[in-house]
Amino acid sequence: GIGIVTSAAKLIMDSGQRPRRTIR
């Protein structure tokens, strides 16, 4: 679970596009 949620957020960080809302 740690790997799943951490990597999901990391992929968004690496996409070059910041989300509108905060992902915590």
mmCIF file of all heavy atoms, coordinates in Angstrom:
data_MODEL
# 
_entry.id   MODEL 
# 
loop_
_atom_site.group_PDB 
_atom_site.id 
_atom_site.type_symbol 
_atom_site.label_atom_id 
_atom_site.label_alt_id 
_atom_site.label_comp_id 
_atom_site.label_asym_id 
_atom_site.label_entity_id 
_atom_site.label_seq_id 
_atom_site.pdbx_PDB_ins_code 
_atom_site.Cartn_x 
_atom_site.Cartn_y 
_atom_site.Cartn_z 
_atom_site.occupancy 
_atom_site.B_iso_or_equiv 
_atom_site.pdbx_formal_charge 
_atom_site.auth_seq_id 
_atom_site.auth_comp_id 
_atom_site.auth_asym_id 
_atom_site.auth_atom_id 
_atom_site.pdbx_PDB_model_num 
ATOM 1   N N   . GLY A 1 1  ? 0.814   -1.211 0.000   1.00 0.00 ? 1  GLY A N   1 
ATOM 2   C CA  . GLY A 1 1  ? 0.000   0.000  0.000   1.00 0.00 ? 1  GLY A CA  1 
ATOM 3   C C   . GLY A 1 1  ? 0.843   1.255  0.000   1.00 0.00 ? 1  GLY A C   1 
ATOM 4   O O   . GLY A 1 1  ? 0.529   2.238  -0.692  1.00 0.00 ? 1  GLY A O   1 
ATOM 5   N N   . ILE A 1 2  ? 1.923   1.254  0.790   1.00 0.00 ? 2  ILE A N   1 
ATOM 6   C CA  . ILE A 1 2  ? 2.836   2.399  0.809   1.00 0.00 ? 2  ILE A CA  1 
ATOM 7   C C   . ILE A 1 2  ? 3.427   2.613  -0.578  1.00 0.00 ? 2  ILE A C   1 
ATOM 8   O O   . ILE A 1 2  ? 3.496   3.743  -1.076  1.00 0.00 ? 2  ILE A O   1 
ATOM 9   C CB  . ILE A 1 2  ? 3.934   2.180  1.860   1.00 0.00 ? 2  ILE A CB  1 
ATOM 10  C CG1 . ILE A 1 2  ? 3.330   2.229  3.268   1.00 0.00 ? 2  ILE A CG1 1 
ATOM 11  C CG2 . ILE A 1 2  ? 5.046   3.221  1.720   1.00 0.00 ? 2  ILE A CG2 1 
ATOM 12  C CD1 . ILE A 1 2  ? 4.267   1.774  4.359   1.00 0.00 ? 2  ILE A CD1 1 
ATOM 13  N N   . GLY A 1 3  ? 3.854   1.524  -1.222  1.00 0.00 ? 3  GLY A N   1 
ATOM 14  C CA  . GLY A 1 3  ? 4.397   1.643  -2.566  1.00 0.00 ? 3  GLY A CA  1 
ATOM 15  C C   . GLY A 1 3  ? 3.390   2.181  -3.555  1.00 0.00 ? 3  GLY A C   1 
ATOM 16  O O   . GLY A 1 3  ? 3.710   3.028  -4.401  1.00 0.00 ? 3  GLY A O   1 
ATOM 17  N N   . ILE A 1 4  ? 2.134   1.736  -3.444  1.00 0.00 ? 4  ILE A N   1 
ATOM 18  C CA  . ILE A 1 4  ? 1.093   2.159  -4.391  1.00 0.00 ? 4  ILE A CA  1 
ATOM 19  C C   . ILE A 1 4  ? 0.805   3.646  -4.276  1.00 0.00 ? 4  ILE A C   1 
ATOM 20  O O   . ILE A 1 4  ? 0.852   4.385  -5.272  1.00 0.00 ? 4  ILE A O   1 
ATOM 21  C CB  . ILE A 1 4  ? -0.191  1.331  -4.166  1.00 0.00 ? 4  ILE A CB  1 
ATOM 22  C CG1 . ILE A 1 4  ? 0.018   -0.118 -4.621  1.00 0.00 ? 4  ILE A CG1 1 
ATOM 23  C CG2 . ILE A 1 4  ? -1.369  1.950  -4.911  1.00 0.00 ? 4  ILE A CG2 1 
ATOM 24  C CD1 . ILE A 1 4  ? -1.062  -1.078 -4.154  1.00 0.00 ? 4  ILE A CD1 1 
ATOM 25  N N   . VAL A 1 5  ? 0.488   4.124  -3.066  1.00 0.00 ? 5  VAL A N   1 
ATOM 26  C CA  . VAL A 1 5  ? 0.056   5.523  -2.951  1.00 0.00 ? 5  VAL A CA  1 
ATOM 27  C C   . VAL A 1 5  ? 1.224   6.488  -3.128  1.00 0.00 ? 5  VAL A C   1 
ATOM 28  O O   . VAL A 1 5  ? 1.063   7.573  -3.719  1.00 0.00 ? 5  VAL A O   1 
ATOM 29  C CB  . VAL A 1 5  ? -0.663  5.780  -1.612  1.00 0.00 ? 5  VAL A CB  1 
ATOM 30  C CG1 . VAL A 1 5  ? -1.908  4.899  -1.510  1.00 0.00 ? 5  VAL A CG1 1 
ATOM 31  C CG2 . VAL A 1 5  ? 0.237   5.582  -0.400  1.00 0.00 ? 5  VAL A CG2 1 
ATOM 32  N N   . THR A 1 6  ? 2.396   6.098  -2.655  1.00 0.00 ? 6  THR A N   1 
ATOM 33  C CA  . THR A 1 6  ? 3.559   6.974  -2.809  1.00 0.00 ? 6  THR A CA  1 
ATOM 34  C C   . THR A 1 6  ? 3.941   7.100  -4.276  1.00 0.00 ? 6  THR A C   1 
ATOM 35  O O   . THR A 1 6  ? 4.222   8.208  -4.771  1.00 0.00 ? 6  THR A O   1 
ATOM 36  C CB  . THR A 1 6  ? 4.738   6.438  -1.979  1.00 0.00 ? 6  THR A CB  1 
ATOM 37  O OG1 . THR A 1 6  ? 4.336   6.315  -0.603  1.00 0.00 ? 6  THR A OG1 1 
ATOM 38  C CG2 . THR A 1 6  ? 5.934   7.365  -2.063  1.00 0.00 ? 6  THR A CG2 1 
ATOM 39  N N   . SER A 1 7  ? 3.932   5.990  -4.988  1.00 0.00 ? 7  SER A N   1 
ATOM 40  C CA  . SER A 1 7  ? 4.304   6.024  -6.401  1.00 0.00 ? 7  SER A CA  1 
ATOM 41  C C   . SER A 1 7  ? 3.259   6.747  -7.239  1.00 0.00 ? 7  SER A C   1 
ATOM 42  O O   . SER A 1 7  ? 3.607   7.429  -8.212  1.00 0.00 ? 7  SER A O   1 
ATOM 43  C CB  . SER A 1 7  ? 4.495   4.599  -6.924  1.00 0.00 ? 7  SER A CB  1 
ATOM 44  O OG  . SER A 1 7  ? 5.578   3.980  -6.269  1.00 0.00 ? 7  SER A OG  1 
ATOM 45  N N   . ALA A 1 8  ? 1.983   6.618  -6.891  1.00 0.00 ? 8  ALA A N   1 
ATOM 46  C CA  . ALA A 1 8  ? 0.942   7.337  -7.617  1.00 0.00 ? 8  ALA A CA  1 
ATOM 47  C C   . ALA A 1 8  ? 1.166   8.842  -7.529  1.00 0.00 ? 8  ALA A C   1 
ATOM 48  O O   . ALA A 1 8  ? 1.116   9.560  -8.541  1.00 0.00 ? 8  ALA A O   1 
ATOM 49  C CB  . ALA A 1 8  ? -0.429  6.969  -7.069  1.00 0.00 ? 8  ALA A CB  1 
ATOM 50  N N   . ALA A 1 9  ? 1.441   9.319  -6.318  1.00 0.00 ? 9  ALA A N   1 
ATOM 51  C CA  . ALA A 1 9  ? 1.690   10.752 -6.156  1.00 0.00 ? 9  ALA A CA  1 
ATOM 52  C C   . ALA A 1 9  ? 2.991   11.174 -6.829  1.00 0.00 ? 9  ALA A C   1 
ATOM 53  O O   . ALA A 1 9  ? 3.093   12.258 -7.417  1.00 0.00 ? 9  ALA A O   1 
ATOM 54  C CB  . ALA A 1 9  ? 1.726   11.101 -4.674  1.00 0.00 ? 9  ALA A CB  1 
ATOM 55  N N   . LYS A 1 10 ? 4.000   10.322 -6.782  1.00 0.00 ? 10 LYS A N   1 
ATOM 56  C CA  . LYS A 1 10 ? 5.283   10.618 -7.424  1.00 0.00 ? 10 LYS A CA  1 
ATOM 57  C C   . LYS A 1 10 ? 5.131   10.742 -8.940  1.00 0.00 ? 10 LYS A C   1 
ATOM 58  O O   . LYS A 1 10 ? 5.746   11.617 -9.573  1.00 0.00 ? 10 LYS A O   1 
ATOM 59  C CB  . LYS A 1 10 ? 6.286   9.517  -7.072  1.00 0.00 ? 10 LYS A CB  1 
ATOM 60  C CG  . LYS A 1 10 ? 7.612   9.559  -7.817  1.00 0.00 ? 10 LYS A CG  1 
ATOM 61  C CD  . LYS A 1 10 ? 8.437   10.785 -7.484  1.00 0.00 ? 10 LYS A CD  1 
ATOM 62  C CE  . LYS A 1 10 ? 9.837   10.662 -8.100  1.00 0.00 ? 10 LYS A CE  1 
ATOM 63  N NZ  . LYS A 1 10 ? 10.589  11.945 -8.018  1.00 0.00 ? 10 LYS A NZ  1 
ATOM 64  N N   . LEU A 1 11 ? 4.309   9.885  -9.555  1.00 0.00 ? 11 LEU A N   1 
ATOM 65  C CA  . LEU A 1 11 ? 4.079   9.985  -10.996 1.00 0.00 ? 11 LEU A CA  1 
ATOM 66  C C   . LEU A 1 11 ? 3.474   11.329 -11.368 1.00 0.00 ? 11 LEU A C   1 
ATOM 67  O O   . LEU A 1 11 ? 3.808   11.909 -12.405 1.00 0.00 ? 11 LEU A O   1 
ATOM 68  C CB  . LEU A 1 11 ? 3.158   8.853  -11.458 1.00 0.00 ? 11 LEU A CB  1 
ATOM 69  C CG  . LEU A 1 11 ? 3.789   7.467  -11.614 1.00 0.00 ? 11 LEU A CG  1 
ATOM 70  C CD1 . LEU A 1 11 ? 2.707   6.430  -11.847 1.00 0.00 ? 11 LEU A CD1 1 
ATOM 71  C CD2 . LEU A 1 11 ? 4.797   7.450  -12.752 1.00 0.00 ? 11 LEU A CD2 1 
ATOM 72  N N   . ILE A 1 12 ? 2.586   11.826 -10.527 1.00 0.00 ? 12 ILE A N   1 
ATOM 73  C CA  . ILE A 1 12 ? 1.992   13.141 -10.787 1.00 0.00 ? 12 ILE A CA  1 
ATOM 74  C C   . ILE A 1 12 ? 3.048   14.226 -10.660 1.00 0.00 ? 12 ILE A C   1 
ATOM 75  O O   . ILE A 1 12 ? 3.123   15.146 -11.491 1.00 0.00 ? 12 ILE A O   1 
ATOM 76  C CB  . ILE A 1 12 ? 0.808   13.369 -9.836  1.00 0.00 ? 12 ILE A CB  1 
ATOM 77  C CG1 . ILE A 1 12 ? -0.343  12.435 -10.231 1.00 0.00 ? 12 ILE A CG1 1 
ATOM 78  C CG2 . ILE A 1 12 ? 0.353   14.833 -9.863  1.00 0.00 ? 12 ILE A CG2 1 
ATOM 79  C CD1 . ILE A 1 12 ? -1.496  12.411 -9.253  1.00 0.00 ? 12 ILE A CD1 1 
ATOM 80  N N   . MET A 1 13 ? 3.901   14.126 -9.642  1.00 0.00 ? 13 MET A N   1 
ATOM 81  C CA  . MET A 1 13 ? 4.997   15.100 -9.504  1.00 0.00 ? 13 MET A CA  1 
ATOM 82  C C   . MET A 1 13 ? 5.886   15.109 -10.736 1.00 0.00 ? 13 MET A C   1 
ATOM 83  O O   . MET A 1 13 ? 6.315   16.164 -11.211 1.00 0.00 ? 13 MET A O   1 
ATOM 84  C CB  . MET A 1 13 ? 5.842   14.772 -8.269  1.00 0.00 ? 13 MET A CB  1 
ATOM 85  C CG  . MET A 1 13 ? 5.263   15.251 -6.961  1.00 0.00 ? 13 MET A CG  1 
ATOM 86  S SD  . MET A 1 13 ? 6.475   15.120 -5.623  1.00 0.00 ? 13 MET A SD  1 
ATOM 87  C CE  . MET A 1 13 ? 6.525   13.361 -5.358  1.00 0.00 ? 13 MET A CE  1 
ATOM 88  N N   . ASP A 1 14 ? 6.177   13.927 -11.257 1.00 0.00 ? 14 ASP A N   1 
ATOM 89  C CA  . ASP A 1 14 ? 7.102   13.803 -12.383 1.00 0.00 ? 14 ASP A CA  1 
ATOM 90  C C   . ASP A 1 14 ? 6.466   14.131 -13.725 1.00 0.00 ? 14 ASP A C   1 
ATOM 91  O O   . ASP A 1 14 ? 7.163   14.202 -14.744 1.00 0.00 ? 14 ASP A O   1 
ATOM 92  C CB  . ASP A 1 14 ? 7.660   12.378 -12.434 1.00 0.00 ? 14 ASP A CB  1 
ATOM 93  C CG  . ASP A 1 14 ? 8.592   12.074 -11.273 1.00 0.00 ? 14 ASP A CG  1 
ATOM 94  O OD1 . ASP A 1 14 ? 8.998   13.030 -10.568 1.00 0.00 ? 14 ASP A OD1 1 
ATOM 95  O OD2 . ASP A 1 14 ? 8.890   10.887 -11.054 1.00 0.00 ? 14 ASP A OD2 1 
ATOM 96  N N   . SER A 1 15 ? 5.136   14.335 -13.739 1.00 0.00 ? 15 SER A N   1 
ATOM 97  C CA  . SER A 1 15 ? 4.443   14.591 -15.005 1.00 0.00 ? 15 SER A CA  1 
ATOM 98  C C   . SER A 1 15 ? 4.701   15.997 -15.540 1.00 0.00 ? 15 SER A C   1 
ATOM 99  O O   . SER A 1 15 ? 4.422   16.277 -16.708 1.00 0.00 ? 15 SER A O   1 
ATOM 100 C CB  . SER A 1 15 ? 2.933   14.404 -14.821 1.00 0.00 ? 15 SER A CB  1 
ATOM 101 O OG  . SER A 1 15 ? 2.383   15.451 -14.025 1.00 0.00 ? 15 SER A OG  1 
ATOM 102 N N   . GLY A 1 16 ? 5.198   16.882 -14.680 1.00 0.00 ? 16 GLY A N   1 
ATOM 103 C CA  . GLY A 1 16 ? 5.420   18.266 -15.087 1.00 0.00 ? 16 GLY A CA  1 
ATOM 104 C C   . GLY A 1 16 ? 4.185   19.129 -14.991 1.00 0.00 ? 16 GLY A C   1 
ATOM 105 O O   . GLY A 1 16 ? 4.229   20.310 -15.340 1.00 0.00 ? 16 GLY A O   1 
ATOM 106 N N   . GLN A 1 17 ? 3.076   18.540 -14.523 1.00 0.00 ? 17 GLN A N   1 
ATOM 107 C CA  . GLN A 1 17 ? 1.825   19.293 -14.384 1.00 0.00 ? 17 GLN A CA  1 
ATOM 108 C C   . GLN A 1 17 ? 1.359   19.190 -12.938 1.00 0.00 ? 17 GLN A C   1 
ATOM 109 O O   . GLN A 1 17 ? 1.135   18.097 -12.437 1.00 0.00 ? 17 GLN A O   1 
ATOM 110 C CB  . GLN A 1 17 ? 0.760   18.740 -15.323 1.00 0.00 ? 17 GLN A CB  1 
ATOM 111 C CG  . GLN A 1 17 ? 1.189   18.809 -16.793 1.00 0.00 ? 17 GLN A CG  1 
ATOM 112 C CD  . GLN A 1 17 ? 0.075   18.385 -17.703 1.00 0.00 ? 17 GLN A CD  1 
ATOM 113 O OE1 . GLN A 1 17 ? -0.871  19.136 -17.938 1.00 0.00 ? 17 GLN A OE1 1 
ATOM 114 N NE2 . GLN A 1 17 ? 0.192   17.182 -18.230 1.00 0.00 ? 17 GLN A NE2 1 
ATOM 115 N N   . ARG A 1 18 ? 1.246   20.330 -12.291 1.00 0.00 ? 18 ARG A N   1 
ATOM 116 C CA  . ARG A 1 18 ? 0.835   20.345 -10.896 1.00 0.00 ? 18 ARG A CA  1 
ATOM 117 C C   . ARG A 1 18 ? -0.691  20.269 -10.818 1.00 0.00 ? 18 ARG A C   1 
ATOM 118 O O   . ARG A 1 18 ? -1.390  20.968 -11.539 1.00 0.00 ? 18 ARG A O   1 
ATOM 119 C CB  . ARG A 1 18 ? 1.348   21.619 -10.225 1.00 0.00 ? 18 ARG A CB  1 
ATOM 120 C CG  . ARG A 1 18 ? 1.156   21.641 -8.707  1.00 0.00 ? 18 ARG A CG  1 
ATOM 121 C CD  . ARG A 1 18 ? 1.837   22.841 -8.089  1.00 0.00 ? 18 ARG A CD  1 
ATOM 122 N NE  . ARG A 1 18 ? 3.286   22.691 -8.070  1.00 0.00 ? 18 ARG A NE  1 
ATOM 123 C CZ  . ARG A 1 18 ? 3.959   22.135 -7.073  1.00 0.00 ? 18 ARG A CZ  1 
ATOM 124 N NH1 . ARG A 1 18 ? 3.304   21.653 -6.022  1.00 0.00 ? 18 ARG A NH1 1 
ATOM 125 N NH2 . ARG A 1 18 ? 5.264   22.059 -7.123  1.00 0.00 ? 18 ARG A NH2 1 
ATOM 126 N N   . PRO A 1 19 ? -1.230  19.415 -9.939  1.00 0.00 ? 19 PRO A N   1 
ATOM 127 C CA  . PRO A 1 19 ? -2.685  19.314 -9.825  1.00 0.00 ? 19 PRO A CA  1 
ATOM 128 C C   . PRO A 1 19 ? -3.292  20.587 -9.239  1.00 0.00 ? 19 PRO A C   1 
ATOM 129 O O   . PRO A 1 19 ? -2.610  21.379 -8.583  1.00 0.00 ? 19 PRO A O   1 
ATOM 130 C CB  . PRO A 1 19 ? -2.872  18.130 -8.871  1.00 0.00 ? 19 PRO A CB  1 
ATOM 131 C CG  . PRO A 1 19 ? -1.620  18.105 -8.053  1.00 0.00 ? 19 PRO A CG  1 
ATOM 132 C CD  . PRO A 1 19 ? -0.526  18.544 -8.986  1.00 0.00 ? 19 PRO A CD  1 
ATOM 133 N N   . ARG A 1 20 ? -4.566  20.762 -9.470  1.00 0.00 ? 20 ARG A N   1 
ATOM 134 C CA  . ARG A 1 20 ? -5.258  21.938 -8.941  1.00 0.00 ? 20 ARG A CA  1 
ATOM 135 C C   . ARG A 1 20 ? -5.306  21.896 -7.414  1.00 0.00 ? 20 ARG A C   1 
ATOM 136 O O   . ARG A 1 20 ? -5.044  22.884 -6.749  1.00 0.00 ? 20 ARG A O   1 
ATOM 137 C CB  . ARG A 1 20 ? -6.668  22.005 -9.522  1.00 0.00 ? 20 ARG A CB  1 
ATOM 138 C CG  . ARG A 1 20 ? -7.473  23.194 -9.022  1.00 0.00 ? 20 ARG A CG  1 
ATOM 139 C CD  . ARG A 1 20 ? -8.853  23.268 -9.656  1.00 0.00 ? 20 ARG A CD  1 
ATOM 140 N NE  . ARG A 1 20 ? -9.575  24.376 -9.064  1.00 0.00 ? 20 ARG A NE  1 
ATOM 141 C CZ  . ARG A 1 20 ? -10.280 24.296 -7.930  1.00 0.00 ? 20 ARG A CZ  1 
ATOM 142 N NH1 . ARG A 1 20 ? -10.373 23.124 -7.301  1.00 0.00 ? 20 ARG A NH1 1 
ATOM 143 N NH2 . ARG A 1 20 ? -10.891 25.357 -7.435  1.00 0.00 ? 20 ARG A NH2 1 
ATOM 144 N N   . ARG A 1 21 ? -5.683  20.750 -6.850  1.00 0.00 ? 21 ARG A N   1 
ATOM 145 C CA  . ARG A 1 21 ? -5.764  20.565 -5.410  1.00 0.00 ? 21 ARG A CA  1 
ATOM 146 C C   . ARG A 1 21 ? -4.508  19.875 -4.887  1.00 0.00 ? 21 ARG A C   1 
ATOM 147 O O   . ARG A 1 21 ? -3.750  19.268 -5.653  1.00 0.00 ? 21 ARG A O   1 
ATOM 148 C CB  . ARG A 1 21 ? -6.987  19.709 -5.053  1.00 0.00 ? 21 ARG A CB  1 
ATOM 149 C CG  . ARG A 1 21 ? -8.316  20.379 -5.302  1.00 0.00 ? 21 ARG A CG  1 
ATOM 150 C CD  . ARG A 1 21 ? -9.449  19.372 -5.236  1.00 0.00 ? 21 ARG A CD  1 
ATOM 151 N NE  . ARG A 1 21 ? -10.742 20.041 -5.048  1.00 0.00 ? 21 ARG A NE  1 
ATOM 152 C CZ  . ARG A 1 21 ? -11.908 19.524 -5.389  1.00 0.00 ? 21 ARG A CZ  1 
ATOM 153 N NH1 . ARG A 1 21 ? -11.974 18.322 -5.969  1.00 0.00 ? 21 ARG A NH1 1 
ATOM 154 N NH2 . ARG A 1 21 ? -13.031 20.193 -5.170  1.00 0.00 ? 21 ARG A NH2 1 
ATOM 155 N N   . THR A 1 22 ? -4.334  19.901 -3.577  1.00 0.00 ? 22 THR A N   1 
ATOM 156 C CA  . THR A 1 22 ? -3.218  19.210 -2.938  1.00 0.00 ? 22 THR A CA  1 
ATOM 157 C C   . THR A 1 22 ? -3.521  17.723 -2.813  1.00 0.00 ? 22 THR A C   1 
ATOM 158 O O   . THR A 1 22 ? -4.620  17.331 -2.395  1.00 0.00 ? 22 THR A O   1 
ATOM 159 C CB  . THR A 1 22 ? -2.952  19.802 -1.550  1.00 0.00 ? 22 THR A CB  1 
ATOM 160 O OG1 . THR A 1 22 ? -2.458  21.141 -1.704  1.00 0.00 ? 22 THR A OG1 1 
ATOM 161 C CG2 . THR A 1 22 ? -1.935  18.983 -0.775  1.00 0.00 ? 22 THR A CG2 1 
ATOM 162 N N   . ILE A 1 23 ? -2.545  16.924 -3.168  1.00 0.00 ? 23 ILE A N   1 
ATOM 163 C CA  . ILE A 1 23 ? -2.607  15.485 -2.918  1.00 0.00 ? 23 ILE A CA  1 
ATOM 164 C C   . ILE A 1 23 ? -1.740  15.208 -1.693  1.00 0.00 ? 23 ILE A C   1 
ATOM 165 O O   . ILE A 1 23 ? -0.542  15.485 -1.698  1.00 0.00 ? 23 ILE A O   1 
ATOM 166 C CB  . ILE A 1 23 ? -2.114  14.681 -4.131  1.00 0.00 ? 23 ILE A CB  1 
ATOM 167 C CG1 . ILE A 1 23 ? -3.025  14.941 -5.337  1.00 0.00 ? 23 ILE A CG1 1 
ATOM 168 C CG2 . ILE A 1 23 ? -2.061  13.191 -3.802  1.00 0.00 ? 23 ILE A CG2 1 
ATOM 169 C CD1 . ILE A 1 23 ? -2.488  14.377 -6.634  1.00 0.00 ? 23 ILE A CD1 1 
ATOM 170 N N   . ARG A 1 24 ? -2.357  14.693 -0.663  1.00 0.00 ? 24 ARG A N   1 
ATOM 171 C CA  . ARG A 1 24 ? -1.645  14.424 0.600   1.00 0.00 ? 24 ARG A CA  1 
ATOM 172 C C   . ARG A 1 24 ? -1.529  12.924 0.811   1.00 0.00 ? 24 ARG A C   1 
ATOM 173 O O   . ARG A 1 24 ? -2.541  12.218 0.912   1.00 0.00 ? 24 ARG A O   1 
ATOM 174 C CB  . ARG A 1 24 ? -2.375  15.068 1.778   1.00 0.00 ? 24 ARG A CB  1 
ATOM 175 C CG  . ARG A 1 24 ? -1.715  14.798 3.140   1.00 0.00 ? 24 ARG A CG  1 
ATOM 176 C CD  . ARG A 1 24 ? -2.448  15.492 4.279   1.00 0.00 ? 24 ARG A CD  1 
ATOM 177 N NE  . ARG A 1 24 ? -2.265  16.944 4.204   1.00 0.00 ? 24 ARG A NE  1 
ATOM 178 C CZ  . ARG A 1 24 ? -2.861  17.800 5.044   1.00 0.00 ? 24 ARG A CZ  1 
ATOM 179 N NH1 . ARG A 1 24 ? -3.686  17.340 5.980   1.00 0.00 ? 24 ARG A NH1 1 
ATOM 180 N NH2 . ARG A 1 24 ? -2.638  19.096 4.923   1.00 0.00 ? 24 ARG A NH2 1 
# 
